[in-house]
């Protein structure tokens, strides 16, 4: 489950890198952990344009966007 995985990013590229790390769980037979809600703490709205967000959503993962305070 992704609910407790920290995801603190500043750019769409950083979020795509985080998502690639998550998807790599398939390679080590831990794909069942790709579920739940990914809480994304971000500073810039452009993060939401990360190209791999839809891949997670298509796997049933909910993405919860949380704007960092003071940003």
PDB file of N, CA and C in Angstrom:
ATOM      1  N   UNK A   1       0.835  -1.184   0.000  1.00  0.00           N
ATOM      2  CA  UNK A   1       0.000   0.000   0.000  1.00  0.00           C
ATOM      3  C   UNK A   1       0.876   1.243   0.000  1.00  0.00           C
ATOM      4  N   UNK A   2       0.435   2.212  -0.724  1.00  0.00           N
ATOM      5  CA  UNK A   2       1.202   3.448  -0.874  1.00  0.00           C
ATOM      6  C   UNK A   2       0.838   4.510   0.152  1.00  0.00           C
ATOM      7  N   UNK A   3      -0.163   4.243   0.978  1.00  0.00           N
ATOM      8  CA  UNK A   3      -0.688   5.253   1.901  1.00  0.00           C
ATOM      9  C   UNK A   3       0.386   5.898   2.784  1.00  0.00           C
ATOM     10  N   UNK A   4       1.386   5.154   3.179  1.00  0.00           N
ATOM     11  CA  UNK A   4       2.393   5.670   4.105  1.00  0.00           C
ATOM     12  C   UNK A   4       3.696   6.040   3.398  1.00  0.00           C
ATOM     13  N   UNK A   5       3.739   5.858   2.084  1.00  0.00           N
ATOM     14  CA  UNK A   5       4.958   6.184   1.338  1.00  0.00           C
ATOM     15  C   UNK A   5       5.085   7.701   1.184  1.00  0.00           C
ATOM     16  N   UNK A   6       6.206   8.299   1.612  1.00  0.00           N
ATOM     17  CA  UNK A   6       6.373   9.741   1.447  1.00  0.00           C
ATOM     18  C   UNK A   6       6.594  10.090  -0.023  1.00  0.00           C
ATOM     19  N   UNK A   7       5.978  11.151  -0.465  1.00  0.00           N
ATOM     20  CA  UNK A   7       6.147  11.627  -1.839  1.00  0.00           C
ATOM     21  C   UNK A   7       6.160  13.149  -1.785  1.00  0.00           C
ATOM     22  N   UNK A   8       7.340  13.697  -1.645  1.00  0.00           N
ATOM     23  CA  UNK A   8       7.539  15.132  -1.483  1.00  0.00           C
ATOM     24  C   UNK A   8       8.303  15.620  -2.711  1.00  0.00           C
ATOM     25  N   UNK A   9       7.618  16.296  -3.630  1.00  0.00           N
ATOM     26  CA  UNK A   9       8.226  16.669  -4.904  1.00  0.00           C
ATOM     27  C   UNK A   9       8.028  18.153  -5.218  1.00  0.00           C
ATOM     28  N   UNK A  10       8.908  18.655  -6.088  1.00  0.00           N
ATOM     29  CA  UNK A  10       8.828  20.055  -6.501  1.00  0.00           C
ATOM     30  C   UNK A  10       8.559  20.212  -7.992  1.00  0.00           C
ATOM     31  N   UNK A  11       8.791  19.149  -8.769  1.00  0.00           N
ATOM     32  CA  UNK A  11       8.605  19.231 -10.214  1.00  0.00           C
ATOM     33  C   UNK A  11       7.889  17.981 -10.728  1.00  0.00           C
ATOM     34  N   UNK A  12       7.327  18.093 -11.925  1.00  0.00           N
ATOM     35  CA  UNK A  12       6.684  16.940 -12.555  1.00  0.00           C
ATOM     36  C   UNK A  12       7.703  15.830 -12.803  1.00  0.00           C
ATOM     37  N   UNK A  13       8.921  16.192 -13.153  1.00  0.00           N
ATOM     38  CA  UNK A  13       9.970  15.190 -13.390  1.00  0.00           C
ATOM     39  C   UNK A  13      10.274  14.403 -12.114  1.00  0.00           C
ATOM     40  N   UNK A  14      10.284  15.076 -10.976  1.00  0.00           N
ATOM     41  CA  UNK A  14      10.515  14.388  -9.704  1.00  0.00           C
ATOM     42  C   UNK A  14       9.376  13.418  -9.411  1.00  0.00           C
ATOM     43  N   UNK A  15       8.144  13.825  -9.693  1.00  0.00           N
ATOM     44  CA  UNK A  15       7.016  12.931  -9.458  1.00  0.00           C
ATOM     45  C   UNK A  15       7.075  11.733 -10.395  1.00  0.00           C
ATOM     46  N   UNK A  16       7.422  11.953 -11.657  1.00  0.00           N
ATOM     47  CA  UNK A  16       7.566  10.829 -12.583  1.00  0.00           C
ATOM     48  C   UNK A  16       8.635   9.853 -12.092  1.00  0.00           C
ATOM     49  N   UNK A  17       9.730  10.365 -11.540  1.00  0.00           N
ATOM     50  CA  UNK A  17      10.782   9.497 -10.999  1.00  0.00           C
ATOM     51  C   UNK A  17      10.253   8.685  -9.821  1.00  0.00           C
ATOM     52  N   UNK A  18       9.473   9.311  -8.944  1.00  0.00           N
ATOM     53  CA  UNK A  18       8.859   8.598  -7.811  1.00  0.00           C
ATOM     54  C   UNK A  18       7.931   7.495  -8.322  1.00  0.00           C
ATOM     55  N   UNK A  19       7.138   7.814  -9.336  1.00  0.00           N
ATOM     56  CA  UNK A  19       6.197   6.832  -9.880  1.00  0.00           C
ATOM     57  C   UNK A  19       6.966   5.680 -10.529  1.00  0.00           C
ATOM     58  N   UNK A  20       8.072   5.967 -11.231  1.00  0.00           N
ATOM     59  CA  UNK A  20       8.884   4.888 -11.801  1.00  0.00           C
ATOM     60  C   UNK A  20       9.404   3.967 -10.707  1.00  0.00           C
ATOM     61  N   UNK A  21       9.814   4.541  -9.573  1.00  0.00           N
ATOM     62  CA  UNK A  21      10.264   3.727  -8.438  1.00  0.00           C
ATOM     63  C   UNK A  21       9.132   2.832  -7.931  1.00  0.00           C
ATOM     64  N   UNK A  22       7.936   3.390  -7.867  1.00  0.00           N
ATOM     65  CA  UNK A  22       6.780   2.613  -7.414  1.00  0.00           C
ATOM     66  C   UNK A  22       6.486   1.482  -8.389  1.00  0.00           C
ATOM     67  N   UNK A  23       6.498   1.781  -9.680  1.00  0.00           N
ATOM     68  CA  UNK A  23       6.206   0.765 -10.690  1.00  0.00           C
ATOM     69  C   UNK A  23       7.280  -0.323 -10.726  1.00  0.00           C
ATOM     70  N   UNK A  24       8.479  -0.003 -10.267  1.00  0.00           N
ATOM     71  CA  UNK A  24       9.557  -0.995 -10.214  1.00  0.00           C
ATOM     72  C   UNK A  24       9.242  -2.127  -9.238  1.00  0.00           C
ATOM     73  N   UNK A  25       8.286  -1.912  -8.353  1.00  0.00           N
ATOM     74  CA  UNK A  25       7.885  -2.983  -7.438  1.00  0.00           C
ATOM     75  C   UNK A  25       7.404  -4.211  -8.208  1.00  0.00           C
ATOM     76  N   UNK A  26       6.852  -4.004  -9.401  1.00  0.00           N
ATOM     77  CA  UNK A  26       6.444  -5.129 -10.240  1.00  0.00           C
ATOM     78  C   UNK A  26       7.628  -6.030 -10.567  1.00  0.00           C
ATOM     79  N   UNK A  27       8.783  -5.435 -10.789  1.00  0.00           N
ATOM     80  CA  UNK A  27       9.974  -6.180 -11.196  1.00  0.00           C
ATOM     81  C   UNK A  27      10.475  -7.125 -10.097  1.00  0.00           C
ATOM     82  N   UNK A  28      10.148  -6.812  -8.862  1.00  0.00           N
ATOM     83  CA  UNK A  28      10.600  -7.665  -7.751  1.00  0.00           C
ATOM     84  C   UNK A  28       9.420  -8.396  -7.107  1.00  0.00           C
ATOM     85  N   UNK A  29       8.393  -8.651  -7.907  1.00  0.00           N
ATOM     86  CA  UNK A  29       7.205  -9.392  -7.485  1.00  0.00           C
ATOM     87  C   UNK A  29       6.516  -8.797  -6.259  1.00  0.00           C
ATOM     88  N   UNK A  30       6.503  -7.469  -6.177  1.00  0.00           N
ATOM     89  CA  UNK A  30       5.799  -6.803  -5.084  1.00  0.00           C
ATOM     90  C   UNK A  30       4.742  -5.851  -5.640  1.00  0.00           C
ATOM     91  N   UNK A  31       4.234  -6.152  -6.825  1.00  0.00           N
ATOM     92  CA  UNK A  31       3.250  -5.307  -7.473  1.00  0.00           C
ATOM     93  C   UNK A  31       1.967  -5.148  -6.696  1.00  0.00           C
ATOM     94  N   UNK A  32       1.677  -6.098  -5.786  1.00  0.00           N
ATOM     95  CA  UNK A  32       0.468  -5.993  -4.969  1.00  0.00           C
ATOM     96  C   UNK A  32       0.531  -4.793  -4.020  1.00  0.00           C
ATOM     97  N   UNK A  33       1.727  -4.233  -3.827  1.00  0.00           N
ATOM     98  CA  UNK A  33       1.880  -3.059  -2.966  1.00  0.00           C
ATOM     99  C   UNK A  33       1.491  -1.766  -3.681  1.00  0.00           C
ATOM    100  N   UNK A  34       1.243  -1.850  -4.989  1.00  0.00           N
ATOM    101  CA  UNK A  34       0.856  -0.673  -5.759  1.00  0.00           C
ATOM    102  C   UNK A  34      -0.654  -0.528  -5.651  1.00  0.00           C
ATOM    103  N   UNK A  35      -1.074  -0.006  -4.514  1.00  0.00           N
ATOM    104  CA  UNK A  35      -2.504   0.159  -4.235  1.00  0.00           C
ATOM    105  C   UNK A  35      -2.680   1.241  -3.177  1.00  0.00           C
ATOM    106  N   UNK A  36      -3.920   1.629  -2.963  1.00  0.00           N
ATOM    107  CA  UNK A  36      -4.219   2.621  -1.932  1.00  0.00           C
ATOM    108  C   UNK A  36      -4.153   4.037  -2.467  1.00  0.00           C
ATOM    109  N   UNK A  37      -3.632   4.919  -1.640  1.00  0.00           N
ATOM    110  CA  UNK A  37      -3.570   6.345  -1.965  1.00  0.00           C
ATOM    111  C   UNK A  37      -2.135   6.826  -1.879  1.00  0.00           C
ATOM    112  N   UNK A  38      -1.690   7.518  -2.926  1.00  0.00           N
ATOM    113  CA  UNK A  38      -0.376   8.157  -2.901  1.00  0.00           C
ATOM    114  C   UNK A  38      -0.598   9.623  -2.544  1.00  0.00           C
ATOM    115  N   UNK A  39      -0.078  10.027  -1.403  1.00  0.00           N
ATOM    116  CA  UNK A  39      -0.181  11.413  -0.956  1.00  0.00           C
ATOM    117  C   UNK A  39       1.002  12.194  -1.517  1.00  0.00           C
ATOM    118  N   UNK A  40       0.715  13.105  -2.435  1.00  0.00           N
ATOM    119  CA  UNK A  40       1.762  13.873  -3.094  1.00  0.00           C
ATOM    120  C   UNK A  40       1.812  15.274  -2.494  1.00  0.00           C
ATOM    121  N   UNK A  41       2.902  15.562  -1.793  1.00  0.00           N
ATOM    122  CA  UNK A  41       3.146  16.903  -1.260  1.00  0.00           C
ATOM    123  C   UNK A  41       3.957  17.653  -2.310  1.00  0.00           C
ATOM    124  N   UNK A  42       3.405  18.760  -2.801  1.00  0.00           N
ATOM    125  CA  UNK A  42       4.029  19.472  -3.916  1.00  0.00           C
ATOM    126  C   UNK A  42       4.077  20.972  -3.642  1.00  0.00           C
ATOM    127  N   UNK A  43       4.963  21.642  -4.375  1.00  0.00           N
ATOM    128  CA  UNK A  43       5.095  23.091  -4.198  1.00  0.00           C
ATOM    129  C   UNK A  43       4.588  23.871  -5.406  1.00  0.00           C
ATOM    130  N   UNK A  44       4.578  23.247  -6.575  1.00  0.00           N
ATOM    131  CA  UNK A  44       4.196  23.954  -7.796  1.00  0.00           C
ATOM    132  C   UNK A  44       3.093  23.175  -8.515  1.00  0.00           C
ATOM    133  N   UNK A  45       2.085  23.887  -8.991  1.00  0.00           N
ATOM    134  CA  UNK A  45       0.944  23.250  -9.663  1.00  0.00           C
ATOM    135  C   UNK A  45       1.349  22.412 -10.864  1.00  0.00           C
ATOM    136  N   UNK A  46       2.483  22.716 -11.478  1.00  0.00           N
ATOM    137  CA  UNK A  46       2.924  21.973 -12.656  1.00  0.00           C
ATOM    138  C   UNK A  46       3.211  20.506 -12.344  1.00  0.00           C
ATOM    139  N   UNK A  47       3.406  20.187 -11.065  1.00  0.00           N
ATOM    140  CA  UNK A  47       3.642  18.798 -10.666  1.00  0.00           C
ATOM    141  C   UNK A  47       2.482  17.907 -11.119  1.00  0.00           C
ATOM    142  N   UNK A  48       1.295  18.464 -11.111  1.00  0.00           N
ATOM    143  CA  UNK A  48       0.108  17.683 -11.477  1.00  0.00           C
ATOM    144  C   UNK A  48       0.120  17.240 -12.936  1.00  0.00           C
ATOM    145  N   UNK A  49       1.016  17.797 -13.737  1.00  0.00           N
ATOM    146  CA  UNK A  49       1.099  17.418 -15.149  1.00  0.00           C
ATOM    147  C   UNK A  49       2.069  16.263 -15.391  1.00  0.00           C
ATOM    148  N   UNK A  50       2.564  15.636 -14.344  1.00  0.00           N
ATOM    149  CA  UNK A  50       3.491  14.513 -14.506  1.00  0.00           C
ATOM    150  C   UNK A  50       2.858  13.455 -15.415  1.00  0.00           C
ATOM    151  N   UNK A  51       3.634  12.963 -16.340  1.00  0.00           N
ATOM    152  CA  UNK A  51       3.097  12.085 -17.377  1.00  0.00           C
ATOM    153  C   UNK A  51       2.680  10.703 -16.875  1.00  0.00           C
ATOM    154  N   UNK A  52       3.224  10.257 -15.750  1.00  0.00           N
ATOM    155  CA  UNK A  52       2.930   8.899 -15.279  1.00  0.00           C
ATOM    156  C   UNK A  52       1.799   8.812 -14.253  1.00  0.00           C
ATOM    157  N   UNK A  53       1.194   9.938 -13.901  1.00  0.00           N
ATOM    158  CA  UNK A  53       0.095   9.921 -12.934  1.00  0.00           C
ATOM    159  C   UNK A  53      -1.032   9.010 -13.417  1.00  0.00           C
ATOM    160  N   UNK A  54      -1.359   9.098 -14.686  1.00  0.00           N
ATOM    161  CA  UNK A  54      -2.463   8.282 -15.225  1.00  0.00           C
ATOM    162  C   UNK A  54      -2.162   6.794 -15.148  1.00  0.00           C
ATOM    163  N   UNK A  55      -0.894   6.415 -15.212  1.00  0.00           N
ATOM    164  CA  UNK A  55      -0.527   4.994 -15.103  1.00  0.00           C
ATOM    165  C   UNK A  55      -0.920   4.472 -13.721  1.00  0.00           C
ATOM    166  N   UNK A  56      -0.614   5.247 -12.685  1.00  0.00           N
ATOM    167  CA  UNK A  56      -1.007   4.842 -11.327  1.00  0.00           C
ATOM    168  C   UNK A  56      -2.524   4.804 -11.184  1.00  0.00           C
ATOM    169  N   UNK A  57      -3.176   5.842 -11.695  1.00  0.00           N
ATOM    170  CA  UNK A  57      -4.640   5.903 -11.579  1.00  0.00           C
ATOM    171  C   UNK A  57      -5.292   4.723 -12.300  1.00  0.00           C
ATOM    172  N   UNK A  58      -4.737   4.322 -13.434  1.00  0.00           N
ATOM    173  CA  UNK A  58      -5.274   3.172 -14.167  1.00  0.00           C
ATOM    174  C   UNK A  58      -5.088   1.867 -13.398  1.00  0.00           C
ATOM    175  N   UNK A  59      -4.167   1.854 -12.455  1.00  0.00           N
ATOM    176  CA  UNK A  59      -3.953   0.674 -11.602  1.00  0.00           C
ATOM    177  C   UNK A  59      -4.797   0.747 -10.340  1.00  0.00           C
ATOM    178  N   UNK A  60      -5.645   1.755 -10.238  1.00  0.00           N
ATOM    179  CA  UNK A  60      -6.540   1.868  -9.104  1.00  0.00           C
ATOM    180  C   UNK A  60      -6.006   2.675  -7.941  1.00  0.00           C
ATOM    181  N   UNK A  61      -4.857   3.300  -8.117  1.00  0.00           N
ATOM    182  CA  UNK A  61      -4.276   4.124  -7.060  1.00  0.00           C
ATOM    183  C   UNK A  61      -4.934   5.504  -7.095  1.00  0.00           C
ATOM    184  N   UNK A  62      -5.296   5.998  -5.927  1.00  0.00           N
ATOM    185  CA  UNK A  62      -5.816   7.354  -5.795  1.00  0.00           C
ATOM    186  C   UNK A  62      -4.650   8.278  -5.510  1.00  0.00           C
ATOM    187  N   UNK A  63      -4.589   9.399  -6.209  1.00  0.00           N
ATOM    188  CA  UNK A  63      -3.551  10.398  -5.952  1.00  0.00           C
ATOM    189  C   UNK A  63      -4.198  11.544  -5.190  1.00  0.00           C
ATOM    190  N   UNK A  64      -3.682  11.814  -4.013  1.00  0.00           N
ATOM    191  CA  UNK A  64      -4.181  12.918  -3.187  1.00  0.00           C
ATOM    192  C   UNK A  64      -3.134  14.029  -3.220  1.00  0.00           C
ATOM    193  N   UNK A  65      -3.536  15.165  -3.754  1.00  0.00           N
ATOM    194  CA  UNK A  65      -2.635  16.314  -3.889  1.00  0.00           C
ATOM    195  C   UNK A  65      -2.673  17.158  -2.626  1.00  0.00           C
ATOM    196  N   UNK A  66      -1.486  17.439  -2.068  1.00  0.00           N
ATOM    197  CA  UNK A  66      -1.399  18.259  -0.863  1.00  0.00           C
ATOM    198  C   UNK A  66      -0.360  19.355  -1.082  1.00  0.00           C
ATOM    199  N   UNK A  67      -0.858  20.572  -1.280  1.00  0.00           N
ATOM    200  CA  UNK A  67       0.026  21.730  -1.503  1.00  0.00           C
ATOM    201  C   UNK A  67       0.819  22.014  -0.231  1.00  0.00           C
ATOM    202  N   UNK A  68       2.131  22.174  -0.390  1.00  0.00           N
ATOM    203  CA  UNK A  68       2.990  22.461   0.761  1.00  0.00           C
ATOM    204  C   UNK A  68       2.642  23.844   1.303  1.00  0.00           C
ATOM    205  N   UNK A  69       2.632  23.977   2.601  1.00  0.00           N
ATOM    206  CA  UNK A  69       2.346  25.258   3.250  1.00  0.00           C
ATOM    207  C   UNK A  69       3.431  26.269   2.930  1.00  0.00           C
ATOM    208  N   UNK A  70       3.024  27.517   2.732  1.00  0.00           N
ATOM    209  CA  UNK A  70       3.984  28.587   2.491  1.00  0.00           C
ATOM    210  C   UNK A  70       4.524  28.609   1.083  1.00  0.00           C
ATOM    211  N   UNK A  71       3.940  27.841   0.201  1.00  0.00           N
ATOM    212  CA  UNK A  71       4.435  27.784  -1.183  1.00  0.00           C
ATOM    213  C   UNK A  71       3.524  28.543  -2.099  1.00  0.00           C
TER     214      UNK A  71
END
